[in-house]
PDB file of all heavy atoms in Angstrom:
ATOM      1  N   LEU A   1       0.809  -1.223   0.000  1.00  0.00           N
ATOM      2  CA  LEU A   1       0.000   0.000   0.000  1.00  0.00           C
ATOM      3  C   LEU A   1       0.843   1.275   0.000  1.00  0.00           C
ATOM      4  O   LEU A   1       0.516   2.222  -0.738  1.00  0.00           O
ATOM      5  CB  LEU A   1      -0.967  -0.009   1.186  1.00  0.00           C
ATOM      6  CG  LEU A   1      -1.955   1.154   1.248  1.00  0.00           C
ATOM      7  CD1 LEU A   1      -2.777   1.250  -0.037  1.00  0.00           C
ATOM      8  CD2 LEU A   1      -2.884   0.996   2.453  1.00  0.00           C
ATOM      9  N   PRO A   2       1.919   1.384   0.808  1.00  0.00           N
ATOM     10  CA  PRO A   2       2.730   2.611   0.724  1.00  0.00           C
ATOM     11  C   PRO A   2       3.290   2.851  -0.677  1.00  0.00           C
ATOM     12  O   PRO A   2       3.423   3.995  -1.107  1.00  0.00           O
ATOM     13  CB  PRO A   2       3.852   2.363   1.742  1.00  0.00           C
ATOM     14  CG  PRO A   2       3.236   1.447   2.738  1.00  0.00           C
ATOM     15  CD  PRO A   2       2.352   0.537   1.940  1.00  0.00           C
ATOM     16  N   HIS A   3       3.595   1.776  -1.394  1.00  0.00           N
ATOM     17  CA  HIS A   3       4.084   1.912  -2.772  1.00  0.00           C
ATOM     18  C   HIS A   3       2.983   2.460  -3.684  1.00  0.00           C
ATOM     19  O   HIS A   3       3.244   3.272  -4.583  1.00  0.00           O
ATOM     20  CB  HIS A   3       4.560   0.538  -3.266  1.00  0.00           C
ATOM     21  CG  HIS A   3       5.232   0.566  -4.607  1.00  0.00           C
ATOM     22  ND1 HIS A   3       5.508  -0.579  -5.323  1.00  0.00           N
ATOM     23  CD2 HIS A   3       5.686   1.597  -5.367  1.00  0.00           C
ATOM     24  CE1 HIS A   3       6.110  -0.245  -6.455  1.00  0.00           C
ATOM     25  NE2 HIS A   3       6.227   1.060  -6.510  1.00  0.00           N
ATOM     26  N   ALA A   4       1.744   2.019  -3.435  1.00  0.00           N
ATOM     27  CA  ALA A   4       0.629   2.416  -4.296  1.00  0.00           C
ATOM     28  C   ALA A   4      -0.016   3.732  -3.879  1.00  0.00           C
ATOM     29  O   ALA A   4      -0.707   4.363  -4.685  1.00  0.00           O
ATOM     30  CB  ALA A   4      -0.429   1.310  -4.291  1.00  0.00           C
ATOM     31  N   TRP A   5       0.222   4.151  -2.631  1.00  0.00           N
ATOM     32  CA  TRP A   5      -0.531   5.283  -2.098  1.00  0.00           C
ATOM     33  C   TRP A   5      -0.408   6.573  -2.906  1.00  0.00           C
ATOM     34  O   TRP A   5      -1.423   7.272  -3.103  1.00  0.00           O
ATOM     35  CB  TRP A   5      -0.166   5.531  -0.640  1.00  0.00           C
ATOM     36  CG  TRP A   5      -0.958   6.648  -0.050  1.00  0.00           C
ATOM     37  CD1 TRP A   5      -0.510   7.863   0.354  1.00  0.00           C
ATOM     38  CD2 TRP A   5      -2.371   6.664   0.158  1.00  0.00           C
ATOM     39  NE1 TRP A   5      -1.538   8.632   0.821  1.00  0.00           N
ATOM     40  CE2 TRP A   5      -2.707   7.925   0.704  1.00  0.00           C
ATOM     41  CE3 TRP A   5      -3.390   5.733  -0.073  1.00  0.00           C
ATOM     42  CZ2 TRP A   5      -4.002   8.277   1.031  1.00  0.00           C
ATOM     43  CZ3 TRP A   5      -4.702   6.090   0.246  1.00  0.00           C
ATOM     44  CH2 TRP A   5      -4.994   7.348   0.788  1.00  0.00           C
ATOM     45  N   PRO A   6       0.771   6.969  -3.379  1.00  0.00           N
ATOM     46  CA  PRO A   6       0.825   8.218  -4.159  1.00  0.00           C
ATOM     47  C   PRO A   6      -0.116   8.206  -5.362  1.00  0.00           C
ATOM     48  O   PRO A   6      -0.757   9.222  -5.670  1.00  0.00           O
ATOM     49  CB  PRO A   6       2.298   8.305  -4.590  1.00  0.00           C
ATOM     50  CG  PRO A   6       3.034   7.549  -3.531  1.00  0.00           C
ATOM     51  CD  PRO A   6       2.133   6.413  -3.172  1.00  0.00           C
ATOM     52  N   GLU A   7      -0.236   7.066  -6.043  1.00  0.00           N
ATOM     53  CA  GLU A   7      -1.138   6.982  -7.191  1.00  0.00           C
ATOM     54  C   GLU A   7      -2.598   6.982  -6.751  1.00  0.00           C
ATOM     55  O   GLU A   7      -3.437   7.661  -7.355  1.00  0.00           O
ATOM     56  CB  GLU A   7      -0.844   5.709  -7.989  1.00  0.00           C
ATOM     57  CG  GLU A   7       0.522   5.705  -8.658  1.00  0.00           C
ATOM     58  CD  GLU A   7       0.848   4.356  -9.265  1.00  0.00           C
ATOM     59  OE1 GLU A   7       0.411   4.104 -10.406  1.00  0.00           O
ATOM     60  OE2 GLU A   7       1.541   3.552  -8.607  1.00  0.00           O
ATOM     61  N   LEU A   8      -2.919   6.231  -5.703  1.00  0.00           N
ATOM     62  CA  LEU A   8      -4.302   6.157  -5.259  1.00  0.00           C
ATOM     63  C   LEU A   8      -4.782   7.506  -4.735  1.00  0.00           C
ATOM     64  O   LEU A   8      -5.904   7.937  -5.043  1.00  0.00           O
ATOM     65  CB  LEU A   8      -4.446   5.095  -4.168  1.00  0.00           C
ATOM     66  CG  LEU A   8      -4.162   3.653  -4.586  1.00  0.00           C
ATOM     67  CD1 LEU A   8      -4.363   2.716  -3.410  1.00  0.00           C
ATOM     68  CD2 LEU A   8      -5.039   3.234  -5.756  1.00  0.00           C
ATOM     69  N   SER A   9      -3.954   8.168  -3.942  1.00  0.00           N
ATOM     70  CA  SER A   9      -4.372   9.453  -3.371  1.00  0.00           C
ATOM     71  C   SER A   9      -4.557  10.494  -4.469  1.00  0.00           C
ATOM     72  O   SER A   9      -5.446  11.353  -4.383  1.00  0.00           O
ATOM     73  CB  SER A   9      -3.347   9.929  -2.344  1.00  0.00           C
ATOM     74  OG  SER A   9      -2.064  10.081  -2.926  1.00  0.00           O
ATOM     75  N   ALA A  10      -3.735  10.435  -5.518  1.00  0.00           N
ATOM     76  CA  ALA A  10      -3.881  11.390  -6.614  1.00  0.00           C
ATOM     77  C   ALA A  10      -5.192  11.174  -7.363  1.00  0.00           C
ATOM     78  O   ALA A  10      -5.800  12.122  -7.859  1.00  0.00           O
ATOM     79  CB  ALA A  10      -2.698  11.258  -7.573  1.00  0.00           C
ATOM     80  N   ARG A  11      -5.651   9.918  -7.437  1.00  0.00           N
ATOM     81  CA  ARG A  11      -6.886   9.626  -8.155  1.00  0.00           C
ATOM     82  C   ARG A  11      -8.134   9.901  -7.332  1.00  0.00           C
ATOM     83  O   ARG A  11      -9.239   9.963  -7.876  1.00  0.00           O
ATOM     84  CB  ARG A  11      -6.883   8.154  -8.600  1.00  0.00           C
ATOM     85  CG  ARG A  11      -5.744   7.835  -9.568  1.00  0.00           C
ATOM     86  CD  ARG A  11      -5.700   6.372  -9.932  1.00  0.00           C
ATOM     87  NE  ARG A  11      -4.407   6.024 -10.518  1.00  0.00           N
ATOM     88  CZ  ARG A  11      -4.098   4.831 -11.002  1.00  0.00           C
ATOM     89  NH1 ARG A  11      -4.985   3.864 -10.981  1.00  0.00           N
ATOM     90  NH2 ARG A  11      -2.900   4.597 -11.498  1.00  0.00           N
ATOM     91  N   LEU A  12      -7.970  10.046  -6.030  1.00  0.00           N
ATOM     92  CA  LEU A  12      -9.125  10.308  -5.171  1.00  0.00           C
ATOM     93  C   LEU A  12      -9.649  11.726  -5.321  1.00  0.00           C
ATOM     94  O   LEU A  12     -10.815  11.993  -5.054  1.00  0.00           O
ATOM     95  CB  LEU A  12      -8.761  10.065  -3.703  1.00  0.00           C
ATOM     96  CG  LEU A  12      -8.839   8.616  -3.224  1.00  0.00           C
ATOM     97  CD1 LEU A  12      -8.296   8.502  -1.819  1.00  0.00           C
ATOM     98  CD2 LEU A  12     -10.274   8.109  -3.277  1.00  0.00           C
ATOM     99  N   ALA A  13      -8.798  12.640  -5.693  1.00  0.00           N
ATOM    100  CA  ALA A  13      -9.188  14.044  -5.750  1.00  0.00           C
ATOM    101  C   ALA A  13      -9.236  14.527  -7.191  1.00  0.00           C
ATOM    102  O   ALA A  13      -8.282  14.375  -7.937  1.00  0.00           O
ATOM    103  CB  ALA A  13      -8.199  14.895  -4.951  1.00  0.00           C
ATOM    104  N   GLY A  14     -10.374  15.091  -7.573  1.00  0.00           N
ATOM    105  CA  GLY A  14     -10.501  15.691  -8.886  1.00  0.00           C
ATOM    106  C   GLY A  14     -10.810  17.157  -8.734  1.00  0.00           C
ATOM    107  O   GLY A  14     -11.908  17.510  -8.306  1.00  0.00           O
ATOM    108  N   GLU A  15      -9.835  17.988  -9.043  1.00  0.00           N
ATOM    109  CA  GLU A  15      -9.979  19.436  -8.892  1.00  0.00           C
ATOM    110  C   GLU A  15     -10.391  19.804  -7.469  1.00  0.00           C
ATOM    111  O   GLU A  15     -11.233  20.676  -7.244  1.00  0.00           O
ATOM    112  CB  GLU A  15     -10.999  19.976  -9.902  1.00  0.00           C
ATOM    113  CG  GLU A  15     -10.562  19.769 -11.355  1.00  0.00           C
ATOM    114  CD  GLU A  15     -11.558  20.325 -12.338  1.00  0.00           C
ATOM    115  OE1 GLU A  15     -12.631  20.789 -11.882  1.00  0.00           O
ATOM    116  OE2 GLU A  15     -11.291  20.312 -13.534  1.00  0.00           O
ATOM    117  N   GLY A  16      -9.822  19.115  -6.505  1.00  0.00           N
ATOM    118  CA  GLY A  16     -10.084  19.434  -5.109  1.00  0.00           C
ATOM    119  C   GLY A  16     -11.385  18.896  -4.552  1.00  0.00           C
ATOM    120  O   GLY A  16     -11.720  19.148  -3.412  1.00  0.00           O
ATOM    121  N   GLU A  17     -12.131  18.132  -5.350  1.00  0.00           N
ATOM    122  CA  GLU A  17     -13.406  17.606  -4.875  1.00  0.00           C
ATOM    123  C   GLU A  17     -13.288  16.117  -4.576  1.00  0.00           C
ATOM    124  O   GLU A  17     -12.543  15.403  -5.228  1.00  0.00           O
ATOM    125  CB  GLU A  17     -14.498  17.829  -5.931  1.00  0.00           C
ATOM    126  CG  GLU A  17     -14.750  19.296  -6.243  1.00  0.00           C
ATOM    127  CD  GLU A  17     -15.814  19.449  -7.312  1.00  0.00           C
ATOM    128  OE1 GLU A  17     -16.335  18.418  -7.775  1.00  0.00           O
ATOM    129  OE2 GLU A  17     -16.121  20.589  -7.683  1.00  0.00           O
ATOM    130  N   ARG A  18     -14.060  15.679  -3.612  1.00  0.00           N
ATOM    131  CA  ARG A  18     -14.086  14.261  -3.296  1.00  0.00           C
ATOM    132  C   ARG A  18     -14.770  13.500  -4.421  1.00  0.00           C
ATOM    133  O   ARG A  18     -15.856  13.864  -4.865  1.00  0.00           O
ATOM    134  CB  ARG A  18     -14.853  14.032  -1.988  1.00  0.00           C
ATOM    135  CG  ARG A  18     -14.884  12.569  -1.567  1.00  0.00           C
ATOM    136  CD  ARG A  18     -15.697  12.397  -0.303  1.00  0.00           C
ATOM    137  NE  ARG A  18     -15.779  10.996   0.062  1.00  0.00           N
ATOM    138  CZ  ARG A  18     -16.571  10.507   0.996  1.00  0.00           C
ATOM    139  NH1 ARG A  18     -17.349  11.324   1.674  1.00  0.00           N
ATOM    140  NH2 ARG A  18     -16.593   9.230   1.275  1.00  0.00           N
ATOM    141  N   THR A  19     -14.152  12.438  -4.883  1.00  0.00           N
ATOM    142  CA  THR A  19     -14.709  11.686  -6.005  1.00  0.00           C
ATOM    143  C   THR A  19     -14.934  10.222  -5.673  1.00  0.00           C
ATOM    144  O   THR A  19     -15.045   9.401  -6.560  1.00  0.00           O
ATOM    145  CB  THR A  19     -13.773  11.782  -7.226  1.00  0.00           C
ATOM    146  OG1 THR A  19     -12.480  11.269  -6.858  1.00  0.00           O
ATOM    147  CG2 THR A  19     -13.629  13.200  -7.703  1.00  0.00           C
ATOM    148  N   GLY A  20     -15.010   9.875  -4.408  1.00  0.00           N
ATOM    149  CA  GLY A  20     -15.297   8.493  -4.077  1.00  0.00           C
ATOM    150  C   GLY A  20     -14.260   7.880  -3.170  1.00  0.00           C
ATOM    151  O   GLY A  20     -13.438   8.564  -2.573  1.00  0.00           O
ATOM    152  N   GLU A  21     -14.273   6.583  -3.096  1.00  0.00           N
ATOM    153  CA  GLU A  21     -13.398   5.866  -2.187  1.00  0.00           C
ATOM    154  C   GLU A  21     -12.767   4.677  -2.910  1.00  0.00           C
ATOM    155  O   GLU A  21     -13.141   4.351  -4.040  1.00  0.00           O
ATOM    156  CB  GLU A  21     -14.210   5.350  -0.989  1.00  0.00           C
ATOM    157  CG  GLU A  21     -15.271   4.348  -1.396  1.00  0.00           C
ATOM    158  CD  GLU A  21     -16.213   3.978  -0.264  1.00  0.00           C
ATOM    159  OE1 GLU A  21     -16.536   4.862   0.536  1.00  0.00           O
ATOM    160  OE2 GLU A  21     -16.626   2.812  -0.201  1.00  0.00           O
ATOM    161  N   PHE A  22     -11.806   4.046  -2.252  1.00  0.00           N
ATOM    162  CA  PHE A  22     -11.232   2.811  -2.761  1.00  0.00           C
ATOM    163  C   PHE A  22     -11.556   1.686  -1.791  1.00  0.00           C
ATOM    164  O   PHE A  22     -11.543   1.872  -0.568  1.00  0.00           O
ATOM    165  CB  PHE A  22      -9.712   2.921  -2.909  1.00  0.00           C
ATOM    166  CG  PHE A  22      -9.290   3.640  -4.156  1.00  0.00           C
ATOM    167  CD1 PHE A  22      -8.900   4.966  -4.109  1.00  0.00           C
ATOM    168  CD2 PHE A  22      -9.271   2.995  -5.380  1.00  0.00           C
ATOM    169  CE1 PHE A  22      -8.502   5.637  -5.245  1.00  0.00           C
ATOM    170  CE2 PHE A  22      -8.876   3.655  -6.530  1.00  0.00           C
ATOM    171  CZ  PHE A  22      -8.496   4.970  -6.464  1.00  0.00           C
ATOM    172  N   LEU A  23     -11.838   0.536  -2.348  1.00  0.00           N
ATOM    173  CA  LEU A  23     -12.022  -0.666  -1.552  1.00  0.00           C
ATOM    174  C   LEU A  23     -10.856  -1.600  -1.844  1.00  0.00           C
ATOM    175  O   LEU A  23     -10.510  -1.821  -2.997  1.00  0.00           O
ATOM    176  CB  LEU A  23     -13.341  -1.348  -1.926  1.00  0.00           C
ATOM    177  CG  LEU A  23     -13.595  -2.710  -1.284  1.00  0.00           C
ATOM    178  CD1 LEU A  23     -13.813  -2.555   0.225  1.00  0.00           C
ATOM    179  CD2 LEU A  23     -14.801  -3.395  -1.922  1.00  0.00           C
ATOM    180  N   LEU A  24     -10.239  -2.121  -0.790  1.00  0.00           N
ATOM    181  CA  LEU A  24      -9.185  -3.115  -0.953  1.00  0.00           C
ATOM    182  C   LEU A  24      -9.827  -4.495  -0.826  1.00  0.00           C
ATOM    183  O   LEU A  24     -10.185  -4.925   0.273  1.00  0.00           O
ATOM    184  CB  LEU A  24      -8.083  -2.917   0.092  1.00  0.00           C
ATOM    185  CG  LEU A  24      -7.361  -1.573   0.040  1.00  0.00           C
ATOM    186  CD1 LEU A  24      -6.275  -1.517   1.109  1.00  0.00           C
ATOM    187  CD2 LEU A  24      -6.763  -1.311  -1.337  1.00  0.00           C
ATOM    188  N   MET A  25      -9.981  -5.174  -1.940  1.00  0.00           N
ATOM    189  CA  MET A  25     -10.637  -6.481  -1.958  1.00  0.00           C
ATOM    190  C   MET A  25      -9.571  -7.572  -1.886  1.00  0.00           C
ATOM    191  O   MET A  25      -8.706  -7.663  -2.762  1.00  0.00           O
ATOM    192  CB  MET A  25     -11.489  -6.638  -3.212  1.00  0.00           C
ATOM    193  CG  MET A  25     -12.623  -5.644  -3.324  1.00  0.00           C
ATOM    194  SD  MET A  25     -13.706  -5.956  -4.735  1.00  0.00           S
ATOM    195  CE  MET A  25     -14.481  -7.501  -4.247  1.00  0.00           C
ATOM    196  N   THR A  26      -9.675  -8.396  -0.856  1.00  0.00           N
ATOM    197  CA  THR A  26      -8.703  -9.474  -0.661  1.00  0.00           C
ATOM    198  C   THR A  26      -9.462 -10.792  -0.569  1.00  0.00           C
ATOM    199  O   THR A  26      -9.779 -11.271   0.521  1.00  0.00           O
ATOM    200  CB  THR A  26      -7.877  -9.244   0.621  1.00  0.00           C
ATOM    201  OG1 THR A  26      -7.369  -7.909   0.609  1.00  0.00           O
ATOM    202  CG2 THR A  26      -6.701 -10.200   0.684  1.00  0.00           C
ATOM    203  N   GLY A  27      -9.812 -11.343  -1.704  1.00  0.00           N
ATOM    204  CA  GLY A  27     -10.519 -12.606  -1.727  1.00  0.00           C
ATOM    205  C   GLY A  27     -11.986 -12.470  -1.382  1.00  0.00           C
ATOM    206  O   GLY A  27     -12.517 -11.364  -1.204  1.00  0.00           O
ATOM    207  N   PRO A  28     -12.699 -13.596  -1.280  1.00  0.00           N
ATOM    208  CA  PRO A  28     -14.130 -13.572  -0.976  1.00  0.00           C
ATOM    209  C   PRO A  28     -14.394 -13.152   0.456  1.00  0.00           C
ATOM    210  O   PRO A  28     -13.498 -13.130   1.301  1.00  0.00           O
ATOM    211  CB  PRO A  28     -14.549 -15.033  -1.214  1.00  0.00           C
ATOM    212  CG  PRO A  28     -13.302 -15.827  -1.003  1.00  0.00           C
ATOM    213  CD  PRO A  28     -12.181 -14.957  -1.497  1.00  0.00           C
ATOM    214  N   SER A  29     -15.659 -12.828   0.717  1.00  0.00           N
ATOM    215  CA  SER A  29     -16.078 -12.482   2.081  1.00  0.00           C
ATOM    216  C   SER A  29     -15.872 -13.690   2.988  1.00  0.00           C
ATOM    217  O   SER A  29     -16.250 -14.807   2.661  1.00  0.00           O
ATOM    218  CB  SER A  29     -17.555 -12.074   2.069  1.00  0.00           C
ATOM    219  OG  SER A  29     -18.088 -12.056   3.369  1.00  0.00           O
ATOM    220  N   ARG A  30     -15.257 -13.443   4.149  1.00  0.00           N
ATOM    221  CA  ARG A  30     -14.975 -14.526   5.099  1.00  0.00           C
ATOM    222  C   ARG A  30     -15.543 -14.144   6.464  1.00  0.00           C
ATOM    223  O   ARG A  30     -15.202 -13.102   7.015  1.00  0.00           O
ATOM    224  CB  ARG A  30     -13.459 -14.753   5.216  1.00  0.00           C
ATOM    225  CG  ARG A  30     -12.796 -15.093   3.908  1.00  0.00           C
ATOM    226  CD  ARG A  30     -11.294 -14.888   3.943  1.00  0.00           C
ATOM    227  NE  ARG A  30     -10.626 -15.773   4.880  1.00  0.00           N
ATOM    228  CZ  ARG A  30     -10.240 -17.019   4.593  1.00  0.00           C
ATOM    229  NH1 ARG A  30     -10.454 -17.501   3.385  1.00  0.00           N
ATOM    230  NH2 ARG A  30      -9.636 -17.760   5.497  1.00  0.00           N
ATOM    231  N   THR A  31     -16.408 -14.993   6.988  1.00  0.00           N
ATOM    232  CA  THR A  31     -17.047 -14.734   8.275  1.00  0.00           C
ATOM    233  C   THR A  31     -16.929 -15.989   9.139  1.00  0.00           C
ATOM    234  O   THR A  31     -17.218 -17.089   8.678  1.00  0.00           O
ATOM    235  CB  THR A  31     -18.533 -14.380   8.093  1.00  0.00           C
ATOM    236  OG1 THR A  31     -18.638 -13.250   7.215  1.00  0.00           O
ATOM    237  CG2 THR A  31     -19.177 -14.034   9.413  1.00  0.00           C
ATOM    238  N   ALA A  32     -16.502 -15.817  10.386  1.00  0.00           N
ATOM    239  CA  ALA A  32     -16.404 -16.935  11.318  1.00  0.00           C
ATOM    240  C   ALA A  32     -17.453 -16.779  12.413  1.00  0.00           C
ATOM    241  O   ALA A  32     -17.612 -15.696  12.976  1.00  0.00           O
ATOM    242  CB  ALA A  32     -15.016 -17.014  11.931  1.00  0.00           C
ATOM    243  N   ASP A  33     -18.184 -17.856  12.722  1.00  0.00           N
ATOM    244  CA  ASP A  33     -19.165 -17.777  13.789  1.00  0.00           C
ATOM    245  C   ASP A  33     -18.514 -18.083  15.135  1.00  0.00           C
ATOM    246  O   ASP A  33     -17.300 -18.271  15.241  1.00  0.00           O
ATOM    247  CB  ASP A  33     -20.355 -18.701  13.507  1.00  0.00           C
ATOM    248  CG  ASP A  33     -19.976 -20.179  13.558  1.00  0.00           C
ATOM    249  OD1 ASP A  33     -18.847 -20.500  13.978  1.00  0.00           O
ATOM    250  OD2 ASP A  33     -20.827 -21.004  13.194  1.00  0.00           O
ATOM    251  N   ILE A  34     -19.329 -18.158  16.173  1.00  0.00           N
ATOM    252  CA  ILE A  34     -18.800 -18.315  17.515  1.00  0.00           C
ATOM    253  C   ILE A  34     -18.097 -19.660  17.714  1.00  0.00           C
ATOM    254  O   ILE A  34     -17.271 -19.823  18.603  1.00  0.00           O
ATOM    255  CB  ILE A  34     -19.942 -18.126  18.549  1.00  0.00           C
ATOM    256  CG1 ILE A  34     -19.375 -17.893  19.948  1.00  0.00           C
ATOM    257  CG2 ILE A  34     -20.884 -19.326  18.515  1.00  0.00           C
ATOM    258  CD1 ILE A  34     -20.430 -17.479  20.956  1.00  0.00           C
ATOM    259  N   GLU A  35     -18.423 -20.626  16.867  1.00  0.00           N
ATOM    260  CA  GLU A  35     -17.785 -21.933  16.951  1.00  0.00           C
ATOM    261  C   GLU A  35     -16.579 -22.045  16.014  1.00  0.00           C
ATOM    262  O   GLU A  35     -16.089 -23.133  15.750  1.00  0.00           O
ATOM    263  CB  GLU A  35     -18.798 -23.029  16.642  1.00  0.00           C
ATOM    264  CG  GLU A  35     -19.924 -23.102  17.667  1.00  0.00           C
ATOM    265  CD  GLU A  35     -20.859 -24.259  17.422  1.00  0.00           C
ATOM    266  OE1 GLU A  35     -20.609 -25.013  16.462  1.00  0.00           O
ATOM    267  OE2 GLU A  35     -21.812 -24.419  18.188  1.00  0.00           O
ATOM    268  N   LYS A  36     -16.123 -20.891  15.490  1.00  0.00           N
ATOM    269  CA  LYS A  36     -14.930 -20.804  14.660  1.00  0.00           C
ATOM    270  C   LYS A  36     -15.080 -21.555  13.332  1.00  0.00           C
ATOM    271  O   LYS A  36     -14.103 -22.055  12.774  1.00  0.00           O
ATOM    272  CB  LYS A  36     -13.698 -21.318  15.413  1.00  0.00           C
ATOM    273  CG  LYS A  36     -13.394 -20.542  16.687  1.00  0.00           C
ATOM    274  CD  LYS A  36     -12.157 -21.074  17.385  1.00  0.00           C
ATOM    275  CE  LYS A  36     -11.880 -20.298  18.660  1.00  0.00           C
ATOM    276  NZ  LYS A  36     -10.679 -20.796  19.369  1.00  0.00           N
ATOM    277  N   ILE A  37     -16.303 -21.601  12.837  1.00  0.00           N
ATOM    278  CA  ILE A  37     -16.548 -22.188  11.522  1.00  0.00           C
ATOM    279  C   ILE A  37     -16.521 -21.070  10.493  1.00  0.00           C
ATOM    280  O   ILE A  37     -17.259 -20.093  10.602  1.00  0.00           O
ATOM    281  CB  ILE A  37     -17.904 -22.921  11.486  1.00  0.00           C
ATOM    282  CG1 ILE A  37     -17.899 -24.069  12.495  1.00  0.00           C
ATOM    283  CG2 ILE A  37     -18.202 -23.435  10.087  1.00  0.00           C
ATOM    284  CD1 ILE A  37     -19.234 -24.767  12.636  1.00  0.00           C
ATOM    285  N   LEU A  38     -15.669 -21.197   9.481  1.00  0.00           N
ATOM    286  CA  LEU A  38     -15.501 -20.145   8.482  1.00  0.00           C
ATOM    287  C   LEU A  38     -16.538 -20.303   7.377  1.00  0.00           C
ATOM    288  O   LEU A  38     -16.676 -21.379   6.787  1.00  0.00           O
ATOM    289  CB  LEU A  38     -14.091 -20.208   7.896  1.00  0.00           C
ATOM    290  CG  LEU A  38     -13.716 -19.095   6.926  1.00  0.00           C
ATOM    291  CD1 LEU A  38     -13.684 -17.755   7.650  1.00  0.00           C
ATOM    292  CD2 LEU A  38     -12.357 -19.373   6.304  1.00  0.00           C
ATOM    293  N   ILE A  39     -17.260 -19.224   7.104  1.00  0.00           N
ATOM    294  CA  ILE A  39     -18.283 -19.213   6.066  1.00  0.00           C
ATOM    295  C   ILE A  39     -17.901 -18.168   5.025  1.00  0.00           C
ATOM    296  O   ILE A  39     -17.581 -17.032   5.368  1.00  0.00           O
ATOM    297  CB  ILE A  39     -19.675 -18.881   6.641  1.00  0.00           C
ATOM    298  CG1 ILE A  39     -20.019 -19.824   7.806  1.00  0.00           C
ATOM    299  CG2 ILE A  39     -20.725 -18.954   5.555  1.00  0.00           C
ATOM    300  CD1 ILE A  39     -20.125 -21.269   7.410  1.00  0.00           C
ATOM    301  N   LEU A  40     -17.950 -18.549   3.760  1.00  0.00           N
ATOM    302  CA  LEU A  40     -17.640 -17.623   2.670  1.00  0.00           C
ATOM    303  C   LEU A  40     -18.927 -17.016   2.116  1.00  0.00           C
ATOM    304  O   LEU A  40     -19.945 -17.691   2.006  1.00  0.00           O
ATOM    305  CB  LEU A  40     -16.882 -18.331   1.544  1.00  0.00           C
ATOM    306  CG  LEU A  40     -15.532 -18.960   1.893  1.00  0.00           C
ATOM    307  CD1 LEU A  40     -14.902 -19.586   0.649  1.00  0.00           C
ATOM    308  CD2 LEU A  40     -14.588 -17.941   2.493  1.00  0.00           C
ATOM    309  N   GLY A  41     -18.855 -15.736   1.764  1.00  0.00           N
ATOM    310  CA  GLY A  41     -19.951 -15.101   1.039  1.00  0.00           C
ATOM    311  C   GLY A  41     -21.068 -14.519   1.865  1.00  0.00           C
ATOM    312  O   GLY A  41     -22.113 -14.172   1.311  1.00  0.00           O
TER     313      GLY A  41
END
């Protein structure tokens, strides 16, 4: 991320206005319940 940040931060601003956000997607959704069972999606 520090390597990519200068490019990402430059793309976030268009003429000084907020133009959205970035999502860092790392694989499918992963959720664990109280019994430590991993559920995807």
